[in-house]
C-alpha atoms as a PDB file:
ATOM      1  CA  MET A   1      -9.162  19.420   7.022  1.00  0.00           C
ATOM      2  CA  VAL A   2      -5.681  18.045   6.678  1.00  0.00           C
ATOM      3  CA  MET A   3      -5.082  14.246   4.433  1.00  0.00           C
ATOM      4  CA  THR A   4      -2.877  11.947   5.419  1.00  0.00           C
ATOM      5  CA  THR A   5      -2.061   9.402   2.553  1.00  0.00           C
ATOM      6  CA  ILE A   6      -0.526   6.127   2.912  1.00  0.00           C
ATOM      7  CA  TYR A   7       0.925   4.583  -0.312  1.00  0.00           C
ATOM      8  CA  LYS A   8       0.565   0.744  -1.487  1.00  0.00           C
ATOM      9  CA  ILE A   9       3.116  -0.694  -3.674  1.00  0.00           C
ATOM     10  CA  CYS A  10       0.740  -3.271  -5.792  1.00  0.00           C
ATOM     11  CA  PRO A  11       1.813  -5.650  -8.746  1.00  0.00           C
ATOM     12  CA  ALA A  12      -1.053  -3.833 -12.137  1.00  0.00           C
ATOM     13  CA  SER A  13      -1.987  -7.024 -12.502  1.00  0.00           C
ATOM     14  CA  LEU A  14      -3.221  -7.743  -8.839  1.00  0.00           C
ATOM     15  CA  TRP A  15      -4.661  -3.840  -9.052  1.00  0.00           C
ATOM     16  CA  ARG A  16      -6.948  -4.709 -11.841  1.00  0.00           C
ATOM     17  CA  GLU A  17      -8.391  -7.137 -10.075  1.00  0.00           C
ATOM     18  CA  ALA A  18      -9.027  -4.540  -7.721  1.00  0.00           C
ATOM     19  CA  GLU A  19     -10.310  -2.395  -9.688  1.00  0.00           C
ATOM     20  CA  ARG A  20     -13.154  -5.462 -11.520  1.00  0.00           C
ATOM     21  CA  ASP A  21     -13.943  -6.932  -8.102  1.00  0.00           C
ATOM     22  CA  GLY A  22     -14.455  -3.022  -6.329  1.00  0.00           C
ATOM     23  CA  ALA A  23     -11.591  -3.635  -3.571  1.00  0.00           C
ATOM     24  CA  PHE A  24      -8.547  -4.639  -3.038  1.00  0.00           C
ATOM     25  CA  ARG A  25      -8.071  -7.523  -0.901  1.00  0.00           C
ATOM     26  CA  GLY A  26      -4.119  -7.285  -0.653  1.00  0.00           C
ATOM     27  CA  SER A  27      -1.771  -9.619  -1.639  1.00  0.00           C
ATOM     28  CA  ASP A  28      -0.501 -12.735  -0.503  1.00  0.00           C
ATOM     29  CA  ALA A  29       1.354 -11.366   1.644  1.00  0.00           C
ATOM     30  CA  ASP A  30      -1.501  -9.355   2.832  1.00  0.00           C
ATOM     31  CA  ARG A  31      -3.695 -11.769   3.437  1.00  0.00           C
ATOM     32  CA  ARG A  32      -0.812 -14.147   5.225  1.00  0.00           C
ATOM     33  CA  ASP A  33      -1.042 -11.494   7.969  1.00  0.00           C
ATOM     34  CA  GLY A  34      -4.623 -10.898   8.178  1.00  0.00           C
ATOM     35  CA  PHE A  35      -4.036  -6.695   7.032  1.00  0.00           C
ATOM     36  CA  ILE A  36      -3.425  -5.362   4.302  1.00  0.00           C
ATOM     37  CA  HIS A  37       0.214  -3.545   4.288  1.00  0.00           C
ATOM     38  CA  PHE A  38       0.960   0.126   3.600  1.00  0.00           C
ATOM     39  CA  SER A  39       3.914   2.602   3.495  1.00  0.00           C
ATOM     40  CA  THR A  40       3.689   5.675   4.776  1.00  0.00           C
ATOM     41  CA  ALA A  41       6.243   8.145   1.984  1.00  0.00           C
ATOM     42  CA  GLU A  42       8.950   8.175   4.496  1.00  0.00           C
ATOM     43  CA  GLN A  43       9.055   4.481   3.729  1.00  0.00           C
ATOM     44  CA  LEU A  44       8.682   3.383   0.793  1.00  0.00           C
ATOM     45  CA  ALA A  45      11.785   3.650  -0.164  1.00  0.00           C
ATOM     46  CA  GLU A  46      13.097   0.938   2.287  1.00  0.00           C
ATOM     47  CA  THR A  47       9.947  -0.986   1.389  1.00  0.00           C
ATOM     48  CA  ALA A  48      10.679  -1.508  -2.835  1.00  0.00           C
ATOM     49  CA  LYS A  49      13.971  -2.138  -1.597  1.00  0.00           C
ATOM     50  CA  LYS A  50      12.852  -4.988   1.347  1.00  0.00           C
ATOM     51  CA  HIS A  51       9.379  -6.419  -0.420  1.00  0.00           C
ATOM     52  CA  PHE A  52      10.004  -5.554  -4.437  1.00  0.00           C
ATOM     53  CA  ALA A  53      13.333  -5.678  -5.385  1.00  0.00           C
ATOM     54  CA  GLY A  54      13.195  -7.390  -8.814  1.00  0.00           C
ATOM     55  CA  GLN A  55       9.590  -7.471  -9.481  1.00  0.00           C
ATOM     56  CA  ASN A  56       8.361  -5.217 -12.666  1.00  0.00           C
ATOM     57  CA  ASP A  57       5.125  -3.618 -12.927  1.00  0.00           C
ATOM     58  CA  LEU A  58       4.125  -2.212 -10.504  1.00  0.00           C
ATOM     59  CA  LEU A  59       1.700   0.030  -9.145  1.00  0.00           C
ATOM     60  CA  LEU A  60       1.982   3.236  -6.066  1.00  0.00           C
ATOM     61  CA  VAL A  61      -1.561   3.510  -5.174  1.00  0.00           C
ATOM     62  CA  HIS A  62      -2.006   6.289  -2.727  1.00  0.00           C
ATOM     63  CA  VAL A  63      -5.082   6.543  -0.055  1.00  0.00           C
ATOM     64  CA  ASP A  64      -6.556   8.806   2.194  1.00  0.00           C
ATOM     65  CA  ALA A  65      -5.811   7.358   5.711  1.00  0.00           C
ATOM     66  CA  ALA A  66      -9.097   9.343   7.067  1.00  0.00           C
ATOM     67  CA  GLN A  67     -11.541   7.280   5.157  1.00  0.00           C
ATOM     68  CA  LEU A  68     -10.614   3.559   6.493  1.00  0.00           C
ATOM     69  CA  GLY A  69     -11.513   4.546   9.897  1.00  0.00           C
ATOM     70  CA  GLY A  70     -10.968   2.725  12.405  1.00  0.00           C
ATOM     71  CA  ALA A  71     -10.443  -0.313  10.191  1.00  0.00           C
ATOM     72  CA  LEU A  72      -6.446   1.224   9.627  1.00  0.00           C
ATOM     73  CA  LYS A  73      -4.132   0.643  12.744  1.00  0.00           C
ATOM     74  CA  TRP A  74      -0.965   2.051  13.672  1.00  0.00           C
ATOM     75  CA  GLU A  75       1.371  -0.757  14.827  1.00  0.00           C
ATOM     76  CA  PRO A  76       5.378  -1.625  15.180  1.00  0.00           C
ATOM     77  CA  SER A  77       7.524  -3.519  12.086  1.00  0.00           C
ATOM     78  CA  ARG A  78      10.644  -2.341  10.586  1.00  0.00           C
ATOM     79  CA  GLY A  79      13.151  -0.488  13.323  1.00  0.00           C
ATOM     80  CA  ARG A  80       9.893  -0.719  15.836  1.00  0.00           C
ATOM     81  CA  ALA A  81       8.305   2.431  13.090  1.00  0.00           C
ATOM     82  CA  LEU A  82       4.219   2.730  12.881  1.00  0.00           C
ATOM     83  CA  PHE A  83       3.304   1.507   9.444  1.00  0.00           C
ATOM     84  CA  PRO A  84      -0.548   1.666   8.614  1.00  0.00           C
ATOM     85  CA  HIS A  85      -2.207  -1.803   8.455  1.00  0.00           C
ATOM     86  CA  LEU A  86      -5.415  -1.987   7.047  1.00  0.00           C
ATOM     87  CA  TYR A  87      -8.274  -4.562   8.858  1.00  0.00           C
ATOM     88  CA  GLY A  88     -10.769  -5.134   6.048  1.00  0.00           C
ATOM     89  CA  GLU A  89     -10.815  -4.779   2.430  1.00  0.00           C
ATOM     90  CA  LEU A  90      -9.911  -0.807   0.623  1.00  0.00           C
ATOM     91  CA  ALA A  91     -12.362  -0.197  -1.028  1.00  0.00           C
ATOM     92  CA  LEU A  92     -11.101   1.999  -4.166  1.00  0.00           C
ATOM     93  CA  SER A  93     -13.307   5.921  -2.906  1.00  0.00           C
ATOM     94  CA  ALA A  94     -10.475   6.109  -0.470  1.00  0.00           C
ATOM     95  CA  VAL A  95      -7.937   5.808  -2.949  1.00  0.00           C
ATOM     96  CA  THR A  96      -6.963   9.145  -4.505  1.00  0.00           C
ATOM     97  CA  HIS A  97      -4.445   8.058  -7.274  1.00  0.00           C
ATOM     98  CA  VAL A  98      -2.577   5.205  -9.035  1.00  0.00           C
ATOM     99  CA  GLU A  99       0.503   5.501 -11.317  1.00  0.00           C
ATOM    100  CA  PRO A 100       3.749   3.560 -11.615  1.00  0.00           C
ATOM    101  CA  LEU A 101       5.904   2.854  -9.045  1.00  0.00           C
ATOM    102  CA  PRO A 102       8.157   5.567  -9.253  1.00  0.00           C
ATOM    103  CA  THR A 103      11.834   5.677 -10.827  1.00  0.00           C
ATOM    104  CA  GLN A 104      13.388   6.739  -8.592  1.00  0.00           C
ATOM    105  CA  LEU A 105      11.771   4.105  -5.932  1.00  0.00           C
ATOM    106  CA  ALA A 106      11.837   1.427  -8.538  1.00  0.00           C
ATOM    107  CA  LYS A 107      15.239   1.645  -9.146  1.00  0.00           C
ATOM    108  CA  PHE A 108      15.617   0.143  -5.133  1.00  0.00           C
ATOM    109  CA  ASN A 109      18.982   1.900  -4.054  1.00  0.00           C
END
Protein backbone atom coordinates (compact mmCIF):
# COMPACT_ATOMS: atom_id res chain seq x y z
CA MET A 1 0.00 0.00 0.00
CA VAL A 2 1.34 3.40 -1.00
CA MET A 3 1.07 6.14 1.59
CA THR A 4 -0.12 9.51 0.34
CA THR A 5 1.38 12.26 2.45
CA ILE A 6 -0.30 15.63 2.70
CA TYR A 7 1.10 18.64 4.53
CA LYS A 8 0.01 21.38 6.89
CA ILE A 9 2.10 24.50 7.50
CA CYS A 10 1.45 25.52 11.06
CA PRO A 11 2.82 28.02 13.56
CA ALA A 12 4.75 26.16 16.26
CA SER A 13 2.61 27.67 19.02
CA LEU A 14 -0.57 26.36 17.42
CA TRP A 15 0.96 22.90 17.01
CA ARG A 16 2.03 22.82 20.67
CA GLU A 17 -1.59 23.57 21.56
CA ALA A 18 -2.70 20.61 19.41
CA GLU A 19 -0.21 18.34 21.18
CA ARG A 20 -1.61 19.41 24.55
CA ASP A 21 -5.22 18.90 23.36
CA GLY A 22 -4.54 15.59 21.59
CA ALA A 23 -5.91 16.85 18.23
CA PHE A 24 -5.38 19.70 15.79
CA ARG A 25 -8.55 21.70 15.31
CA GLY A 26 -7.20 24.13 12.74
CA SER A 27 -6.04 27.69 12.44
CA ASP A 28 -8.32 30.71 12.48
CA ALA A 29 -8.53 30.50 8.66
CA ASP A 30 -9.36 26.77 8.84
CA ARG A 31 -12.13 27.34 11.35
CA ARG A 32 -13.49 30.25 9.30
CA ASP A 33 -13.62 28.07 6.16
CA GLY A 34 -15.06 25.02 7.95
CA PHE A 35 -12.21 22.63 7.15
CA ILE A 36 -8.48 22.20 7.72
CA HIS A 37 -6.44 23.24 4.68
CA PHE A 38 -3.66 20.90 3.53
CA SER A 39 -1.32 20.89 0.55
CA THR A 40 0.38 18.25 -1.54
CA ALA A 41 4.16 18.30 -1.91
CA GLU A 42 3.76 20.06 -5.26
CA GLN A 43 1.53 22.76 -3.73
CA LEU A 44 3.66 23.54 -0.67
CA ALA A 45 5.90 26.30 -2.05
CA GLU A 46 2.99 28.33 -3.39
CA THR A 47 0.99 27.79 -0.19
CA ALA A 48 3.95 29.00 1.89
CA LYS A 49 4.39 32.06 -0.31
CA LYS A 50 0.70 32.97 -0.46
CA HIS A 51 -0.33 32.36 3.16
CA PHE A 52 2.79 32.39 5.36
CA ALA A 53 5.15 35.01 3.93
CA GLY A 54 7.02 36.87 6.64
CA GLN A 55 6.01 34.49 9.43
CA ASN A 56 8.57 32.83 11.67
CA ASP A 57 8.59 29.67 13.78
CA LEU A 58 6.59 27.58 11.30
CA LEU A 59 6.34 23.80 11.27
CA LEU A 60 5.67 21.40 8.44
CA VAL A 61 3.31 18.66 9.59
CA HIS A 62 3.33 15.45 7.51
CA VAL A 63 0.04 13.54 7.53
CA ASP A 64 -0.90 10.10 6.21
CA ALA A 65 -3.98 10.94 4.13
CA ALA A 66 -5.23 7.33 4.21
CA GLN A 67 -5.82 7.60 7.96
CA LEU A 68 -8.27 10.48 7.55
CA GLY A 69 -11.03 8.45 5.94
CA GLY A 70 -14.10 10.06 4.45
CA ALA A 71 -13.54 13.35 6.29
CA LEU A 72 -10.80 14.18 3.75
CA LYS A 73 -12.11 15.72 0.54
CA TRP A 74 -10.11 16.72 -2.54
CA GLU A 75 -11.62 19.97 -3.75
CA PRO A 76 -10.73 22.56 -6.40
CA SER A 77 -9.05 25.69 -5.11
CA ARG A 78 -6.19 27.87 -6.34
CA GLY A 79 -5.93 27.53 -10.12
CA ARG A 80 -8.63 24.85 -10.02
CA ALA A 81 -6.06 22.39 -8.61
CA LEU A 82 -7.41 19.79 -6.18
CA PHE A 83 -6.42 20.48 -2.60
CA PRO A 84 -6.93 18.19 0.40
CA HIS A 85 -9.44 19.56 2.92
CA LEU A 86 -10.22 17.82 6.20
CA TYR A 87 -13.75 18.27 7.53
CA GLY A 88 -13.11 17.60 11.18
CA GLU A 89 -10.18 17.65 13.54
CA LEU A 90 -6.83 16.09 12.76
CA ALA A 91 -6.09 13.14 15.01
CA LEU A 92 -2.42 13.20 15.98
CA SER A 93 -2.24 9.48 15.20
CA ALA A 94 -2.40 10.39 11.47
CA VAL A 95 0.71 12.59 11.78
CA THR A 96 3.86 10.85 10.60
CA HIS A 97 6.42 13.62 11.10
CA VAL A 98 6.72 17.22 12.28
CA GLU A 99 9.71 19.39 11.38
CA PRO A 100 10.65 23.05 11.11
CA LEU A 101 9.52 24.41 7.76
CA PRO A 102 12.39 23.51 5.40
CA THR A 103 14.62 26.40 4.38
CA GLN A 104 13.75 26.10 0.68
CA LEU A 105 10.07 26.66 1.52
CA ALA A 106 10.70 29.22 4.25
CA LYS A 107 12.37 31.57 1.74
CA PHE A 108 9.04 32.04 -0.05
CA ASN A 109 10.71 32.61 -3.42
